[in-house]
Amino acid sequence: MARKHNHKQLTKRQNQMLVPVIAFEITATFTAITDIIRARQFRHGNKVMWLLLSFVQPFGPWLYFWLGQKRK
């Protein structure tokens, strides 16, 4: 027996509102990964851990900036 799917499509307005959020998240992820690759030290954790966590959306990059990034 086939299941009926009740997926609601996003409206055009909702899609337009998501674009900047998605762009912001992609930028944060790219910036975090670049910083992690260049970093020699971290406040907590190590390079491999932060690289893996940076792909956990939407929190990974922001956790890195908050807890992992060594401030100068």
Protein backbone atom coordinates (compact mmCIF):
# COMPACT_ATOMS: atom_id res chain seq x y z
CA MET A 1 0.00 0.00 0.00
CA ALA A 2 1.45 3.36 -1.01
CA ARG A 3 1.86 6.01 1.64
CA LYS A 4 0.47 9.46 1.14
CA HIS A 5 3.07 12.18 1.75
CA ASN A 6 1.96 15.48 3.21
CA HIS A 7 4.97 17.60 2.33
CA LYS A 8 4.15 21.25 2.24
CA GLN A 9 6.09 23.31 -0.25
CA LEU A 10 7.65 26.55 0.89
CA THR A 11 6.10 29.68 -0.47
CA LYS A 12 8.07 32.00 -2.74
CA ARG A 13 8.41 34.47 0.15
CA GLN A 14 9.73 31.77 2.50
CA ASN A 15 12.31 30.73 -0.11
CA GLN A 16 13.39 34.36 -0.49
CA MET A 17 13.82 34.66 3.27
CA LEU A 18 15.95 31.51 3.42
CA VAL A 19 18.50 32.64 0.82
CA PRO A 20 20.38 35.10 3.07
CA VAL A 21 20.36 32.64 5.98
CA ILE A 22 21.83 29.91 3.79
CA ALA A 23 24.43 32.30 2.35
CA PHE A 24 25.40 33.43 5.86
CA GLU A 25 25.78 29.81 7.01
CA ILE A 26 27.88 28.84 3.98
CA THR A 27 30.12 31.87 4.56
CA ALA A 28 30.52 31.01 8.25
CA THR A 29 31.39 27.40 7.42
CA PHE A 30 33.95 28.39 4.78
CA THR A 31 35.51 30.97 7.13
CA ALA A 32 35.69 28.48 10.01
CA ILE A 33 37.28 25.77 7.84
CA THR A 34 39.84 28.22 6.47
CA ASP A 35 40.70 29.41 9.97
CA ILE A 36 40.93 25.85 11.33
CA ILE A 37 43.31 24.78 8.55
CA ARG A 38 45.60 27.78 9.21
CA ALA A 39 45.45 27.60 13.02
CA ARG A 40 48.31 26.14 15.02
CA GLN A 41 46.56 26.17 18.39
CA PHE A 42 43.02 25.97 19.68
CA ARG A 43 41.47 26.95 22.99
CA HIS A 44 39.74 23.57 23.21
CA GLY A 45 40.04 20.44 21.07
CA ASN A 46 42.18 19.84 18.01
CA LYS A 47 42.20 20.43 14.28
CA VAL A 48 40.47 17.17 13.27
CA MET A 49 37.70 17.61 15.82
CA TRP A 50 36.97 21.18 14.72
CA LEU A 51 37.08 20.31 11.02
CA LEU A 52 34.50 17.58 11.57
CA LEU A 53 32.32 19.78 13.79
CA SER A 54 32.40 22.66 11.31
CA PHE A 55 30.23 20.57 8.97
CA VAL A 56 27.52 20.10 11.63
CA GLN A 57 24.98 22.71 10.60
CA PRO A 58 24.00 25.18 11.82
CA PHE A 59 25.97 25.05 15.07
CA GLY A 60 29.42 23.73 14.14
CA PRO A 61 31.05 26.88 12.77
CA TRP A 62 29.61 29.02 15.55
CA LEU A 63 30.86 26.61 18.22
CA TYR A 64 34.32 26.86 16.71
CA PHE A 65 34.26 30.67 16.78
CA TRP A 66 33.00 30.61 20.36
CA LEU A 67 35.01 27.75 21.92
CA GLY A 68 37.78 26.66 19.59
CA GLN A 69 39.29 29.71 17.98
CA LYS A 70 42.46 30.86 19.74
CA ARG A 71 42.32 34.59 20.26
CA LYS A 72 45.46 36.60 19.79
